[in-house]
Amino acid sequence: MDLDLALLYDKPVAIMDTNIWERLNRLNLMFMRITIAENIKPMTPKTDSAKEFMESMQSMSQSDTVDKSVVGTLMGMLTIMKFNGSHTMYGHVIEMINIAATLEYMKLKVNESFLVIFIMNSLPSHYSPFQINYNTIKEK
């Protein structure tokens, strides 16, 4: 399958059959938007071209200003995040791990024990026996 056709070439002139290119462009755009982490989606550009989308995401990722802004936003999210039961506990923990992974990708090391403390502190009070049990474990 020539999925990368829409990324490698500009939209063909009207003389050529553009149905294939348009379909592949939509598929590429859909795949890229699906695979982007939820916390970055609000910053993604609104475009109908997969090639433009990829280029703008690449330029955004190489911008120091955006990196500093995103790091600040992600750190803020990580520190104030609370489990409210709107999704599963697993989903909550994975979301926090994804934020930490994004921060590490941006060259900000998040210590594993530091992340565990953030996750524990994000739990409501009825999880306190779980927190107490974790705190009594000698090896962390």
N, C-alpha and C. Protein backbone atom coordinates (compact mmCIF):
# COMPACT_ATOMS: atom_id res chain seq x y z
N MET A 1 0.85 -1.18 0.00
CA MET A 1 0.00 0.00 0.00
C MET A 1 0.89 1.24 0.00
N ASP A 2 0.54 2.20 -0.78
CA ASP A 2 1.33 3.43 -0.93
C ASP A 2 0.87 4.51 0.03
N LEU A 3 0.84 4.21 1.33
CA LEU A 3 0.36 5.19 2.31
C LEU A 3 1.19 6.45 2.33
N ASP A 4 2.47 6.33 2.06
CA ASP A 4 3.34 7.50 2.13
C ASP A 4 3.28 8.38 0.89
N LEU A 5 2.47 8.02 -0.09
CA LEU A 5 2.35 8.80 -1.32
C LEU A 5 1.94 10.24 -1.03
N ALA A 6 0.98 10.42 -0.12
CA ALA A 6 0.49 11.77 0.20
C ALA A 6 1.52 12.57 0.98
N LEU A 7 2.46 11.89 1.62
CA LEU A 7 3.50 12.59 2.36
C LEU A 7 4.68 12.97 1.47
N LEU A 8 4.92 12.18 0.46
CA LEU A 8 6.09 12.40 -0.40
C LEU A 8 5.82 13.39 -1.53
N TYR A 9 4.58 13.44 -2.00
CA TYR A 9 4.27 14.27 -3.16
C TYR A 9 3.17 15.26 -2.84
N ASP A 10 3.22 16.42 -3.50
CA ASP A 10 2.15 17.39 -3.37
C ASP A 10 0.92 16.89 -4.11
N LYS A 11 -0.20 17.55 -3.87
CA LYS A 11 -1.44 17.16 -4.53
C LYS A 11 -1.26 17.26 -6.04
N PRO A 12 -1.64 16.22 -6.79
CA PRO A 12 -1.45 16.25 -8.24
C PRO A 12 -2.37 17.26 -8.91
N VAL A 13 -1.97 17.69 -10.09
CA VAL A 13 -2.79 18.63 -10.85
C VAL A 13 -4.08 17.95 -11.25
N ALA A 14 -5.06 18.74 -11.66
CA ALA A 14 -6.40 18.24 -11.95
C ALA A 14 -6.44 17.23 -13.09
N ILE A 15 -5.45 17.22 -13.96
CA ILE A 15 -5.44 16.28 -15.09
C ILE A 15 -5.35 14.84 -14.58
N MET A 16 -4.60 14.62 -13.52
CA MET A 16 -4.41 13.27 -12.98
C MET A 16 -5.59 12.89 -12.09
N ASP A 17 -5.70 11.60 -11.85
CA ASP A 17 -6.72 11.11 -10.94
C ASP A 17 -6.29 11.41 -9.51
N THR A 18 -7.01 12.30 -8.84
CA THR A 18 -6.62 12.72 -7.49
C THR A 18 -7.32 11.91 -6.40
N ASN A 19 -8.23 11.02 -6.78
CA ASN A 19 -8.96 10.25 -5.76
C ASN A 19 -8.03 9.43 -4.88
N ILE A 20 -7.04 8.79 -5.49
CA ILE A 20 -6.10 7.97 -4.73
C ILE A 20 -5.30 8.85 -3.77
N TRP A 21 -4.77 9.96 -4.28
CA TRP A 21 -3.98 10.86 -3.44
C TRP A 21 -4.81 11.40 -2.29
N GLU A 22 -6.05 11.83 -2.56
CA GLU A 22 -6.91 12.39 -1.51
C GLU A 22 -7.24 11.35 -0.44
N ARG A 23 -7.51 10.13 -0.86
CA ARG A 23 -7.80 9.06 0.10
C ARG A 23 -6.58 8.79 0.98
N LEU A 24 -5.41 8.68 0.38
CA LEU A 24 -4.19 8.43 1.15
C LEU A 24 -3.85 9.61 2.05
N ASN A 25 -4.11 10.82 1.58
CA ASN A 25 -3.89 12.01 2.39
C ASN A 25 -4.77 11.97 3.64
N ARG A 26 -6.06 11.65 3.46
CA ARG A 26 -6.98 11.56 4.59
C ARG A 26 -6.55 10.47 5.57
N LEU A 27 -6.13 9.31 5.04
CA LEU A 27 -5.67 8.21 5.90
C LEU A 27 -4.44 8.61 6.70
N ASN A 28 -3.47 9.23 6.04
CA ASN A 28 -2.26 9.68 6.74
C ASN A 28 -2.58 10.69 7.83
N LEU A 29 -3.42 11.64 7.49
CA LEU A 29 -3.81 12.66 8.45
C LEU A 29 -4.52 12.03 9.65
N MET A 30 -5.41 11.08 9.37
CA MET A 30 -6.13 10.39 10.44
C MET A 30 -5.16 9.61 11.32
N PHE A 31 -4.23 8.86 10.72
CA PHE A 31 -3.26 8.09 11.50
C PHE A 31 -2.39 8.99 12.37
N MET A 32 -1.94 10.10 11.81
CA MET A 32 -1.09 11.01 12.59
C MET A 32 -1.86 11.62 13.75
N ARG A 33 -3.11 12.03 13.51
CA ARG A 33 -3.90 12.64 14.58
C ARG A 33 -4.26 11.63 15.67
N ILE A 34 -4.47 10.37 15.28
CA ILE A 34 -4.81 9.34 16.26
C ILE A 34 -3.62 9.03 17.15
N THR A 35 -2.42 9.01 16.59
CA THR A 35 -1.25 8.59 17.35
C THR A 35 -0.65 9.69 18.23
N ILE A 36 -1.11 10.91 18.08
CA ILE A 36 -0.59 12.00 18.91
C ILE A 36 -1.20 11.91 20.30
N ALA A 37 -0.39 12.10 21.31
CA ALA A 37 -0.85 12.05 22.69
C ALA A 37 -1.92 13.11 22.93
N GLU A 38 -2.87 12.77 23.80
CA GLU A 38 -4.01 13.65 24.07
C GLU A 38 -3.59 15.03 24.56
N ASN A 39 -2.52 15.10 25.34
CA ASN A 39 -2.12 16.39 25.90
C ASN A 39 -1.47 17.30 24.86
N ILE A 40 -1.14 16.78 23.69
CA ILE A 40 -0.53 17.60 22.64
C ILE A 40 -1.55 17.96 21.57
N LYS A 41 -2.66 17.24 21.50
CA LYS A 41 -3.66 17.46 20.45
C LYS A 41 -4.17 18.90 20.36
N PRO A 42 -4.39 19.61 21.46
CA PRO A 42 -4.88 20.99 21.32
C PRO A 42 -3.90 21.91 20.58
N MET A 43 -2.63 21.56 20.56
CA MET A 43 -1.62 22.40 19.90
C MET A 43 -1.40 22.03 18.45
N THR A 44 -2.08 20.99 17.96
CA THR A 44 -1.85 20.55 16.58
C THR A 44 -2.48 21.51 15.59
N PRO A 45 -1.85 21.68 14.43
CA PRO A 45 -2.39 22.60 13.42
C PRO A 45 -3.65 22.05 12.77
N LYS A 46 -4.51 22.95 12.36
CA LYS A 46 -5.73 22.57 11.64
C LYS A 46 -5.45 22.70 10.15
N THR A 47 -5.23 21.57 9.50
CA THR A 47 -4.95 21.55 8.07
C THR A 47 -5.54 20.30 7.45
N ASP A 48 -5.78 20.34 6.15
CA ASP A 48 -6.31 19.18 5.44
C ASP A 48 -5.23 18.43 4.69
N SER A 49 -4.00 18.87 4.79
CA SER A 49 -2.89 18.23 4.08
C SER A 49 -2.00 17.50 5.09
N ALA A 50 -1.82 16.20 4.86
CA ALA A 50 -0.98 15.40 5.75
C ALA A 50 0.46 15.88 5.72
N LYS A 51 0.92 16.29 4.56
CA LYS A 51 2.30 16.76 4.43
C LYS A 51 2.50 18.06 5.22
N GLU A 52 1.57 19.00 5.10
CA GLU A 52 1.65 20.25 5.86
C GLU A 52 1.57 19.97 7.36
N PHE A 53 0.69 19.05 7.74
CA PHE A 53 0.54 18.68 9.15
C PHE A 53 1.85 18.15 9.70
N MET A 54 2.47 17.23 8.96
CA MET A 54 3.73 16.63 9.41
C MET A 54 4.83 17.68 9.49
N GLU A 55 4.91 18.57 8.50
CA GLU A 55 5.94 19.61 8.50
C GLU A 55 5.74 20.58 9.66
N SER A 56 4.49 20.97 9.92
CA SER A 56 4.25 21.91 11.02
C SER A 56 4.51 21.25 12.38
N MET A 57 4.19 19.96 12.51
CA MET A 57 4.49 19.26 13.75
C MET A 57 5.99 19.14 13.95
N GLN A 58 6.71 18.91 12.86
CA GLN A 58 8.17 18.81 12.95
C GLN A 58 8.77 20.16 13.35
N SER A 59 8.29 21.25 12.75
CA SER A 59 8.83 22.56 13.11
C SER A 59 8.46 22.93 14.54
N MET A 60 7.26 22.53 14.99
CA MET A 60 6.86 22.79 16.37
C MET A 60 7.76 22.04 17.34
N SER A 61 8.10 20.81 17.00
CA SER A 61 8.91 20.01 17.91
C SER A 61 10.35 20.50 17.98
N GLN A 62 10.78 21.29 16.99
CA GLN A 62 12.14 21.80 16.99
C GLN A 62 12.24 23.21 17.54
N SER A 63 11.14 23.77 17.96
CA SER A 63 11.13 25.13 18.47
C SER A 63 11.40 25.13 19.98
N ASP A 64 12.40 25.89 20.42
CA ASP A 64 12.73 25.97 21.84
C ASP A 64 11.61 26.60 22.65
N THR A 65 10.97 27.63 22.08
CA THR A 65 9.89 28.31 22.79
C THR A 65 8.73 27.36 23.03
N VAL A 66 8.36 26.62 22.00
CA VAL A 66 7.27 25.67 22.15
C VAL A 66 7.66 24.58 23.14
N ASP A 67 8.90 24.11 23.07
CA ASP A 67 9.36 23.08 23.99
C ASP A 67 9.24 23.55 25.44
N LYS A 68 9.68 24.77 25.71
CA LYS A 68 9.60 25.30 27.07
C LYS A 68 8.14 25.44 27.50
N SER A 69 7.31 25.89 26.59
CA SER A 69 5.89 26.06 26.89
C SER A 69 5.23 24.71 27.16
N VAL A 70 5.53 23.74 26.31
CA VAL A 70 4.95 22.41 26.47
C VAL A 70 5.45 21.75 27.76
N VAL A 71 6.74 21.90 28.06
CA VAL A 71 7.29 21.34 29.30
C VAL A 71 6.57 21.93 30.50
N GLY A 72 6.37 23.24 30.50
CA GLY A 72 5.67 23.88 31.60
C GLY A 72 4.24 23.39 31.73
N THR A 73 3.56 23.25 30.60
CA THR A 73 2.19 22.76 30.61
C THR A 73 2.12 21.32 31.12
N LEU A 74 3.02 20.49 30.63
CA LEU A 74 3.03 19.08 31.04
C LEU A 74 3.38 18.93 32.52
N MET A 75 4.34 19.72 33.00
CA MET A 75 4.69 19.67 34.42
C MET A 75 3.50 20.10 35.28
N GLY A 76 2.82 21.13 34.83
CA GLY A 76 1.63 21.58 35.54
C GLY A 76 0.55 20.50 35.58
N MET A 77 0.34 19.85 34.44
CA MET A 77 -0.65 18.77 34.39
C MET A 77 -0.27 17.63 35.33
N LEU A 78 1.00 17.28 35.31
CA LEU A 78 1.47 16.17 36.13
C LEU A 78 1.32 16.47 37.62
N THR A 79 1.57 17.71 38.02
CA THR A 79 1.53 18.05 39.44
C THR A 79 0.11 18.23 39.98
N ILE A 80 -0.83 18.67 39.16
CA ILE A 80 -2.18 18.92 39.67
C ILE A 80 -3.18 17.82 39.31
N MET A 81 -2.75 16.82 38.57
CA MET A 81 -3.64 15.76 38.12
C MET A 81 -4.18 14.96 39.31
N LYS A 82 -5.49 14.73 39.31
CA LYS A 82 -6.14 13.95 40.37
C LYS A 82 -7.02 12.88 39.73
N PHE A 83 -7.09 11.72 40.36
CA PHE A 83 -7.97 10.65 39.90
C PHE A 83 -9.38 10.97 40.35
N ASN A 84 -10.29 11.13 39.38
CA ASN A 84 -11.66 11.49 39.72
C ASN A 84 -12.67 10.41 39.35
N GLY A 85 -12.20 9.27 38.86
CA GLY A 85 -13.09 8.18 38.53
C GLY A 85 -13.75 8.30 37.16
N SER A 86 -13.41 9.33 36.40
CA SER A 86 -14.01 9.49 35.08
C SER A 86 -13.51 8.44 34.09
N HIS A 87 -12.36 7.87 34.38
CA HIS A 87 -11.86 6.73 33.61
C HIS A 87 -11.24 5.74 34.59
N THR A 88 -10.74 4.64 34.11
CA THR A 88 -10.22 3.60 35.00
C THR A 88 -8.94 4.06 35.69
N MET A 89 -8.60 3.36 36.77
CA MET A 89 -7.35 3.64 37.48
C MET A 89 -6.17 3.39 36.53
N TYR A 90 -6.26 2.31 35.76
CA TYR A 90 -5.21 1.99 34.79
C TYR A 90 -5.04 3.15 33.80
N GLY A 91 -6.15 3.67 33.29
CA GLY A 91 -6.09 4.80 32.35
C GLY A 91 -5.46 6.03 32.98
N HIS A 92 -5.77 6.28 34.24
CA HIS A 92 -5.20 7.42 34.96
C HIS A 92 -3.68 7.28 35.09
N VAL A 93 -3.25 6.09 35.50
CA VAL A 93 -1.81 5.85 35.68
C VAL A 93 -1.09 5.93 34.34
N ILE A 94 -1.67 5.33 33.31
CA ILE A 94 -1.05 5.37 31.98
C ILE A 94 -0.96 6.80 31.47
N GLU A 95 -1.99 7.61 31.72
CA GLU A 95 -1.95 9.01 31.30
C GLU A 95 -0.80 9.76 31.97
N MET A 96 -0.60 9.51 33.25
CA MET A 96 0.50 10.16 33.96
C MET A 96 1.86 9.65 33.46
N ILE A 97 1.94 8.36 33.17
CA ILE A 97 3.19 7.80 32.63
C ILE A 97 3.47 8.38 31.25
N ASN A 98 2.43 8.57 30.43
CA ASN A 98 2.61 9.17 29.10
C ASN A 98 3.12 10.60 29.20
N ILE A 99 2.62 11.34 30.17
CA ILE A 99 3.10 12.71 30.36
C ILE A 99 4.58 12.69 30.74
N ALA A 100 4.94 11.78 31.65
CA ALA A 100 6.34 11.66 32.06
C ALA A 100 7.22 11.24 30.88
N ALA A 101 6.72 10.34 30.05
CA ALA A 101 7.49 9.90 28.87
C ALA A 101 7.67 11.05 27.89
N THR A 102 6.65 11.87 27.73
CA THR A 102 6.76 13.04 26.85
C THR A 102 7.80 14.01 27.40
N LEU A 103 7.80 14.21 28.71
CA LEU A 103 8.80 15.08 29.33
C LEU A 103 10.21 14.53 29.14
N GLU A 104 10.36 13.22 29.26
CA GLU A 104 11.68 12.61 29.05
C GLU A 104 12.12 12.75 27.60
N TYR A 105 11.18 12.64 26.68
CA TYR A 105 11.50 12.83 25.26
C TYR A 105 11.99 14.26 25.02
N MET A 106 11.47 15.20 25.82
CA MET A 106 11.87 16.60 25.68
C MET A 106 13.08 16.91 26.56
N LYS A 107 13.79 15.87 26.95
CA LYS A 107 15.05 15.97 27.69
C LYS A 107 14.88 16.50 29.12
N LEU A 108 13.75 16.19 29.74
CA LEU A 108 13.54 16.51 31.14
C LEU A 108 13.31 15.19 31.87
N LYS A 109 14.32 14.72 32.57
CA LYS A 109 14.28 13.41 33.22
C LYS A 109 13.30 13.44 34.38
N VAL A 110 12.36 12.49 34.37
CA VAL A 110 11.42 12.33 35.47
C VAL A 110 11.79 11.04 36.18
N ASN A 111 12.27 11.17 37.40
CA ASN A 111 12.67 10.02 38.20
C ASN A 111 11.47 9.12 38.45
N GLU A 112 11.67 7.81 38.38
CA GLU A 112 10.57 6.85 38.55
C GLU A 112 9.93 6.96 39.93
N SER A 113 10.74 7.09 40.98
CA SER A 113 10.17 7.20 42.33
C SER A 113 9.41 8.52 42.49
N PHE A 114 9.88 9.56 41.83
CA PHE A 114 9.19 10.85 41.83
C PHE A 114 7.82 10.71 41.16
N LEU A 115 7.78 9.98 40.05
CA LEU A 115 6.53 9.75 39.33
C LEU A 115 5.56 8.92 40.18
N VAL A 116 6.08 7.91 40.86
CA VAL A 116 5.23 7.08 41.73
C VAL A 116 4.62 7.94 42.83
N ILE A 117 5.40 8.84 43.40
CA ILE A 117 4.88 9.73 44.45
C ILE A 117 3.76 10.61 43.89
N PHE A 118 3.97 11.15 42.69
CA PHE A 118 2.92 11.96 42.05
C PHE A 118 1.65 11.13 41.83
N ILE A 119 1.83 9.90 41.37
CA ILE A 119 0.67 9.03 41.13
C ILE A 119 -0.05 8.74 42.44
N MET A 120 0.70 8.42 43.48
CA MET A 120 0.09 8.14 44.79
C MET A 120 -0.65 9.37 45.33
N ASN A 121 -0.05 10.54 45.17
CA ASN A 121 -0.69 11.76 45.66
C ASN A 121 -1.91 12.16 44.84
N SER A 122 -2.04 11.62 43.64
CA SER A 122 -3.18 11.95 42.80
C SER A 122 -4.41 11.12 43.15
N LEU A 123 -4.23 10.12 44.01
CA LEU A 123 -5.35 9.24 44.36
C LEU A 123 -6.20 9.86 45.46
N PRO A 124 -7.52 9.60 45.44
CA PRO A 124 -8.39 10.12 46.49
C PRO A 124 -8.14 9.41 47.83
N SER A 125 -8.74 9.93 48.89
CA SER A 125 -8.46 9.45 50.24
C SER A 125 -8.87 8.00 50.47
N HIS A 126 -9.84 7.49 49.74
CA HIS A 126 -10.24 6.10 49.99
C HIS A 126 -9.21 5.10 49.46
N TYR A 127 -8.14 5.58 48.84
CA TYR A 127 -7.02 4.74 48.44
C TYR A 127 -5.88 4.83 49.46
N SER A 128 -6.12 5.44 50.61
CA SER A 128 -5.04 5.61 51.60
C SER A 128 -4.46 4.28 52.10
N PRO A 129 -5.26 3.19 52.25
CA PRO A 129 -4.61 1.92 52.63
C PRO A 129 -3.58 1.46 51.60
N PHE A 130 -3.87 1.68 50.36
CA PHE A 130 -2.93 1.34 49.28
C PHE A 130 -1.66 2.19 49.41
N GLN A 131 -1.85 3.48 49.69
CA GLN A 131 -0.71 4.38 49.84
C GLN A 131 0.13 4.00 51.06
N ILE A 132 -0.53 3.66 52.16
CA ILE A 132 0.18 3.26 53.38
C ILE A 132 0.98 1.98 53.12
N ASN A 133 0.35 1.03 52.43
CA ASN A 133 1.04 -0.22 52.10
C ASN A 133 2.27 0.06 51.25
N TYR A 134 2.15 0.93 50.28
CA TYR A 134 3.30 1.26 49.43
C TYR A 134 4.41 1.92 50.26
N ASN A 135 4.04 2.82 51.15
CA ASN A 135 5.03 3.53 51.96
C ASN A 135 5.77 2.62 52.94
N THR A 136 5.16 1.51 53.32
CA THR A 136 5.82 0.59 54.26
C THR A 136 6.76 -0.38 53.57
N ILE A 137 6.71 -0.47 52.27
CA ILE A 137 7.61 -1.36 51.54
C ILE A 137 9.03 -0.82 51.64
N LYS A 138 9.97 -1.67 52.01
CA LYS A 138 11.37 -1.25 52.18
C LYS A 138 12.03 -0.95 50.84
N GLU A 139 11.87 -1.86 49.87
CA GLU A 139 12.50 -1.66 48.55
C GLU A 139 11.54 -0.92 47.64
N LYS A 140 11.97 0.22 47.14
CA LYS A 140 11.13 1.01 46.23
C LYS A 140 11.84 1.22 44.94
